[in-house]
Amino acid sequence: LGKWIGTLIVVLGLSIGATFLYMFGNFFLKDLVREKFLNKFGNAVKRNKIKRRLKNIINEAVKQISIKFNYSYLVIAKSSMLDNDYTNIKETLFQELKKIK
């Protein structure tokens, strides 16, 4: 009988403790977690859109411009790319790639 009462006390204690810990985390830490991780994952759509645009432009540039493949090229994108028109970005990047020859 003593084992069962001890087991019951432990199970209830763990359940109540876990519930209080969940309530504490939900009440006090929810905003902190949201603030830390929302910025990391919230901008993924924007980053992916910029990546897709750059990949498409570079693929077209490889077909149309003679690019030296024995070099490495670093293209750094700014957040203003989201506001610019695709053709404007393409023309600018083509002009810069033509200067490299």
N, C-alpha and C. Protein backbone atom coordinates (compact mmCIF):
# COMPACT_ATOMS: atom_id res chain seq x y z
N LEU A 1 0.83 -1.21 0.00
CA LEU A 1 0.00 0.00 0.00
C LEU A 1 0.87 1.26 0.00
N GLY A 2 2.00 1.21 0.68
CA GLY A 2 2.89 2.36 0.77
C GLY A 2 3.51 2.73 -0.57
N LYS A 3 3.82 1.69 -1.38
CA LYS A 3 4.39 1.96 -2.69
C LYS A 3 3.40 2.71 -3.58
N TRP A 4 2.14 2.31 -3.52
CA TRP A 4 1.13 2.92 -4.36
C TRP A 4 0.87 4.37 -3.97
N ILE A 5 0.86 4.64 -2.73
CA ILE A 5 0.65 6.02 -2.27
C ILE A 5 1.84 6.89 -2.66
N GLY A 6 3.04 6.35 -2.50
CA GLY A 6 4.25 7.08 -2.91
C GLY A 6 4.26 7.36 -4.40
N THR A 7 3.90 6.34 -5.18
CA THR A 7 3.84 6.50 -6.63
C THR A 7 2.81 7.55 -7.01
N LEU A 8 1.64 7.52 -6.38
CA LEU A 8 0.58 8.49 -6.65
C LEU A 8 1.04 9.91 -6.32
N ILE A 9 1.72 10.07 -5.20
CA ILE A 9 2.22 11.40 -4.80
C ILE A 9 3.25 11.91 -5.82
N VAL A 10 4.14 11.03 -6.24
CA VAL A 10 5.16 11.43 -7.22
C VAL A 10 4.52 11.81 -8.55
N VAL A 11 3.58 11.01 -9.03
CA VAL A 11 2.92 11.29 -10.31
C VAL A 11 2.15 12.60 -10.24
N LEU A 12 1.41 12.82 -9.17
CA LEU A 12 0.67 14.07 -9.01
C LEU A 12 1.63 15.26 -8.90
N GLY A 13 2.70 15.09 -8.15
CA GLY A 13 3.67 16.17 -8.00
C GLY A 13 4.31 16.55 -9.33
N LEU A 14 4.70 15.53 -10.11
CA LEU A 14 5.30 15.81 -11.42
C LEU A 14 4.29 16.46 -12.36
N SER A 15 3.06 16.00 -12.33
CA SER A 15 2.03 16.57 -13.21
C SER A 15 1.75 18.02 -12.85
N ILE A 16 1.62 18.29 -11.58
CA ILE A 16 1.35 19.66 -11.14
C ILE A 16 2.56 20.55 -11.43
N GLY A 17 3.76 20.03 -11.19
CA GLY A 17 4.97 20.81 -11.47
C GLY A 17 5.10 21.12 -12.95
N ALA A 18 4.83 20.14 -13.79
CA ALA A 18 4.91 20.36 -15.23
C ALA A 18 3.87 21.38 -15.68
N THR A 19 2.68 21.32 -15.09
CA THR A 19 1.63 22.27 -15.44
C THR A 19 2.03 23.68 -15.06
N PHE A 20 2.58 23.85 -13.85
CA PHE A 20 3.02 25.18 -13.42
C PHE A 20 4.18 25.69 -14.28
N LEU A 21 5.08 24.81 -14.64
CA LEU A 21 6.20 25.20 -15.49
C LEU A 21 5.70 25.64 -16.86
N TYR A 22 4.72 24.93 -17.42
CA TYR A 22 4.14 25.30 -18.71
C TYR A 22 3.45 26.66 -18.62
N MET A 23 2.68 26.87 -17.54
CA MET A 23 1.98 28.14 -17.37
C MET A 23 2.97 29.29 -17.21
N PHE A 24 4.05 29.07 -16.47
CA PHE A 24 5.08 30.08 -16.28
C PHE A 24 5.72 30.44 -17.62
N GLY A 25 6.10 29.42 -18.38
CA GLY A 25 6.73 29.66 -19.67
C GLY A 25 5.79 30.34 -20.64
N ASN A 26 4.54 29.94 -20.64
CA ASN A 26 3.56 30.51 -21.54
C ASN A 26 3.28 31.97 -21.18
N PHE A 27 3.25 32.27 -19.90
CA PHE A 27 2.90 33.63 -19.45
C PHE A 27 4.10 34.57 -19.55
N PHE A 28 5.27 34.15 -19.08
CA PHE A 28 6.41 35.05 -18.99
C PHE A 28 7.36 34.99 -20.18
N LEU A 29 7.54 33.84 -20.78
CA LEU A 29 8.57 33.69 -21.79
C LEU A 29 8.04 33.69 -23.23
N LYS A 30 6.74 33.74 -23.40
CA LYS A 30 6.15 33.65 -24.74
C LYS A 30 6.61 34.80 -25.63
N ASP A 31 6.58 36.02 -25.10
CA ASP A 31 6.99 37.18 -25.89
C ASP A 31 8.48 37.14 -26.20
N LEU A 32 9.29 36.69 -25.25
CA LEU A 32 10.73 36.60 -25.47
C LEU A 32 11.05 35.61 -26.58
N VAL A 33 10.43 34.45 -26.55
CA VAL A 33 10.67 33.43 -27.58
C VAL A 33 10.18 33.93 -28.94
N ARG A 34 9.03 34.56 -28.97
CA ARG A 34 8.48 35.08 -30.22
C ARG A 34 9.41 36.15 -30.79
N GLU A 35 9.92 37.03 -29.94
CA GLU A 35 10.80 38.10 -30.39
C GLU A 35 12.12 37.55 -30.93
N LYS A 36 12.66 36.52 -30.30
CA LYS A 36 13.95 35.97 -30.72
C LYS A 36 13.84 35.21 -32.04
N PHE A 37 12.80 34.42 -32.21
CA PHE A 37 12.73 33.51 -33.36
C PHE A 37 11.90 34.03 -34.52
N LEU A 38 11.02 35.00 -34.29
CA LEU A 38 10.19 35.50 -35.37
C LEU A 38 11.03 36.21 -36.43
N ASN A 39 12.02 36.97 -35.99
CA ASN A 39 12.86 37.68 -36.95
C ASN A 39 13.69 36.71 -37.79
N LYS A 40 14.09 35.60 -37.21
CA LYS A 40 14.91 34.65 -37.95
C LYS A 40 14.11 33.91 -39.01
N PHE A 41 12.88 33.55 -38.69
CA PHE A 41 12.08 32.76 -39.62
C PHE A 41 11.07 33.59 -40.39
N GLY A 42 10.76 34.80 -39.94
CA GLY A 42 9.77 35.64 -40.60
C GLY A 42 10.26 36.22 -41.90
N ASN A 43 11.57 36.40 -42.02
CA ASN A 43 12.13 37.00 -43.22
C ASN A 43 12.53 35.97 -44.27
N ALA A 44 12.27 34.71 -44.02
CA ALA A 44 12.68 33.66 -44.95
C ALA A 44 12.01 33.82 -46.31
N VAL A 45 10.77 34.25 -46.32
CA VAL A 45 10.05 34.43 -47.59
C VAL A 45 10.73 35.51 -48.42
N LYS A 46 11.12 36.59 -47.77
CA LYS A 46 11.78 37.69 -48.49
C LYS A 46 13.15 37.24 -49.00
N ARG A 47 13.91 36.55 -48.14
CA ARG A 47 15.23 36.08 -48.57
C ARG A 47 15.11 35.13 -49.75
N ASN A 48 14.14 34.24 -49.71
CA ASN A 48 13.96 33.27 -50.79
C ASN A 48 13.55 33.95 -52.09
N LYS A 49 12.75 35.01 -51.99
CA LYS A 49 12.35 35.74 -53.19
C LYS A 49 13.57 36.39 -53.84
N ILE A 50 14.44 37.00 -53.02
CA ILE A 50 15.65 37.62 -53.54
C ILE A 50 16.56 36.56 -54.15
N LYS A 51 16.70 35.42 -53.49
CA LYS A 51 17.54 34.33 -54.02
C LYS A 51 17.02 33.85 -55.37
N ARG A 52 15.70 33.67 -55.48
CA ARG A 52 15.12 33.21 -56.75
C ARG A 52 15.38 34.23 -57.86
N ARG A 53 15.21 35.51 -57.55
CA ARG A 53 15.45 36.54 -58.55
C ARG A 53 16.91 36.51 -59.02
N LEU A 54 17.83 36.45 -58.06
CA LEU A 54 19.25 36.45 -58.42
C LEU A 54 19.63 35.20 -59.22
N LYS A 55 19.11 34.05 -58.83
CA LYS A 55 19.40 32.82 -59.57
C LYS A 55 18.93 32.93 -61.02
N ASN A 56 17.72 33.44 -61.21
CA ASN A 56 17.18 33.58 -62.57
C ASN A 56 18.01 34.55 -63.39
N ILE A 57 18.39 35.67 -62.78
CA ILE A 57 19.18 36.67 -63.50
C ILE A 57 20.55 36.11 -63.87
N ILE A 58 21.18 35.43 -62.92
CA ILE A 58 22.51 34.85 -63.19
C ILE A 58 22.42 33.78 -64.27
N ASN A 59 21.38 32.96 -64.24
CA ASN A 59 21.21 31.94 -65.29
C ASN A 59 21.07 32.59 -66.67
N GLU A 60 20.32 33.68 -66.75
CA GLU A 60 20.19 34.39 -68.02
C GLU A 60 21.51 35.03 -68.42
N ALA A 61 22.24 35.55 -67.44
CA ALA A 61 23.52 36.20 -67.73
C ALA A 61 24.53 35.20 -68.27
N VAL A 62 24.53 34.00 -67.74
CA VAL A 62 25.46 32.96 -68.21
C VAL A 62 25.18 32.64 -69.68
N LYS A 63 23.92 32.65 -70.06
CA LYS A 63 23.56 32.33 -71.44
C LYS A 63 23.88 33.48 -72.41
N GLN A 64 23.76 34.72 -71.93
CA GLN A 64 23.87 35.87 -72.84
C GLN A 64 25.23 36.56 -72.81
N ILE A 65 25.92 36.50 -71.69
CA ILE A 65 27.19 37.22 -71.54
C ILE A 65 28.31 36.19 -71.41
N SER A 66 29.45 36.50 -71.97
CA SER A 66 30.59 35.59 -71.80
C SER A 66 31.21 35.85 -70.42
N ILE A 67 30.92 34.96 -69.51
CA ILE A 67 31.41 35.09 -68.14
C ILE A 67 32.55 34.10 -67.95
N LYS A 68 33.62 34.56 -67.33
CA LYS A 68 34.76 33.68 -67.07
C LYS A 68 34.44 32.80 -65.87
N PHE A 69 34.46 31.50 -66.10
CA PHE A 69 34.10 30.57 -65.04
C PHE A 69 35.27 30.17 -64.15
N ASN A 70 36.48 30.65 -64.48
CA ASN A 70 37.60 30.33 -63.61
C ASN A 70 37.74 31.34 -62.47
N TYR A 71 36.78 32.24 -62.33
CA TYR A 71 36.73 33.19 -61.23
C TYR A 71 35.50 32.90 -60.36
N SER A 72 35.55 33.39 -59.15
CA SER A 72 34.38 33.32 -58.26
C SER A 72 33.76 34.71 -58.21
N TYR A 73 32.47 34.77 -58.29
CA TYR A 73 31.76 36.03 -58.25
C TYR A 73 30.90 36.07 -56.98
N LEU A 74 30.94 37.18 -56.29
CA LEU A 74 30.15 37.36 -55.08
C LEU A 74 29.11 38.44 -55.35
N VAL A 75 27.86 38.08 -55.25
CA VAL A 75 26.77 39.02 -55.45
C VAL A 75 26.11 39.22 -54.10
N ILE A 76 26.13 40.46 -53.62
CA ILE A 76 25.53 40.78 -52.33
C ILE A 76 24.22 41.51 -52.59
N ALA A 77 23.16 40.97 -52.06
CA ALA A 77 21.83 41.54 -52.28
C ALA A 77 21.45 42.46 -51.13
N LYS A 78 20.82 43.55 -51.47
CA LYS A 78 20.30 44.47 -50.46
C LYS A 78 18.79 44.25 -50.35
N SER A 79 18.25 44.67 -49.22
CA SER A 79 16.81 44.49 -49.01
C SER A 79 15.99 45.34 -49.97
N SER A 80 16.60 46.37 -50.56
CA SER A 80 15.87 47.22 -51.52
C SER A 80 15.55 46.47 -52.81
N MET A 81 16.14 45.28 -53.00
CA MET A 81 15.83 44.47 -54.18
C MET A 81 14.36 44.08 -54.23
N LEU A 82 13.74 43.97 -53.07
CA LEU A 82 12.32 43.60 -53.04
C LEU A 82 11.45 44.69 -53.64
N ASP A 83 11.89 45.94 -53.51
CA ASP A 83 11.10 47.06 -54.01
C ASP A 83 11.35 47.34 -55.48
N ASN A 84 12.53 46.96 -55.98
CA ASN A 84 12.88 47.24 -57.38
C ASN A 84 12.21 46.26 -58.33
N ASP A 85 12.05 46.71 -59.55
CA ASP A 85 11.48 45.89 -60.61
C ASP A 85 12.51 44.86 -61.07
N TYR A 86 12.04 43.70 -61.47
CA TYR A 86 12.93 42.62 -61.91
C TYR A 86 13.81 43.06 -63.07
N THR A 87 13.22 43.75 -64.05
CA THR A 87 14.00 44.17 -65.23
C THR A 87 15.07 45.18 -64.84
N ASN A 88 14.77 46.04 -63.88
CA ASN A 88 15.75 47.02 -63.41
C ASN A 88 16.95 46.32 -62.76
N ILE A 89 16.67 45.34 -61.93
CA ILE A 89 17.74 44.58 -61.26
C ILE A 89 18.55 43.84 -62.31
N LYS A 90 17.86 43.24 -63.27
CA LYS A 90 18.53 42.47 -64.32
C LYS A 90 19.46 43.36 -65.15
N GLU A 91 18.97 44.51 -65.56
CA GLU A 91 19.79 45.43 -66.36
C GLU A 91 21.01 45.90 -65.57
N THR A 92 20.82 46.24 -64.31
CA THR A 92 21.93 46.70 -63.48
C THR A 92 22.98 45.61 -63.33
N LEU A 93 22.54 44.40 -63.04
CA LEU A 93 23.49 43.30 -62.85
C LEU A 93 24.20 42.95 -64.16
N PHE A 94 23.48 42.99 -65.27
CA PHE A 94 24.11 42.72 -66.58
C PHE A 94 25.18 43.77 -66.88
N GLN A 95 24.90 45.05 -66.60
CA GLN A 95 25.87 46.10 -66.84
C GLN A 95 27.13 45.87 -66.01
N GLU A 96 26.95 45.49 -64.75
CA GLU A 96 28.10 45.26 -63.88
C GLU A 96 28.90 44.03 -64.31
N LEU A 97 28.21 42.99 -64.74
CA LEU A 97 28.92 41.79 -65.20
C LEU A 97 29.69 42.05 -66.50
N LYS A 98 29.15 42.91 -67.36
CA LYS A 98 29.85 43.23 -68.60
C LYS A 98 31.12 44.02 -68.34
N LYS A 99 31.16 44.79 -67.27
CA LYS A 99 32.34 45.59 -66.92
C LYS A 99 33.49 44.70 -66.48
N ILE A 100 33.21 43.52 -66.00
CA ILE A 100 34.24 42.64 -65.43
C ILE A 100 35.19 42.10 -66.47
N LYS A 101 34.77 41.94 -67.69
CA LYS A 101 35.58 41.35 -68.74
C LYS A 101 37.01 41.78 -68.64
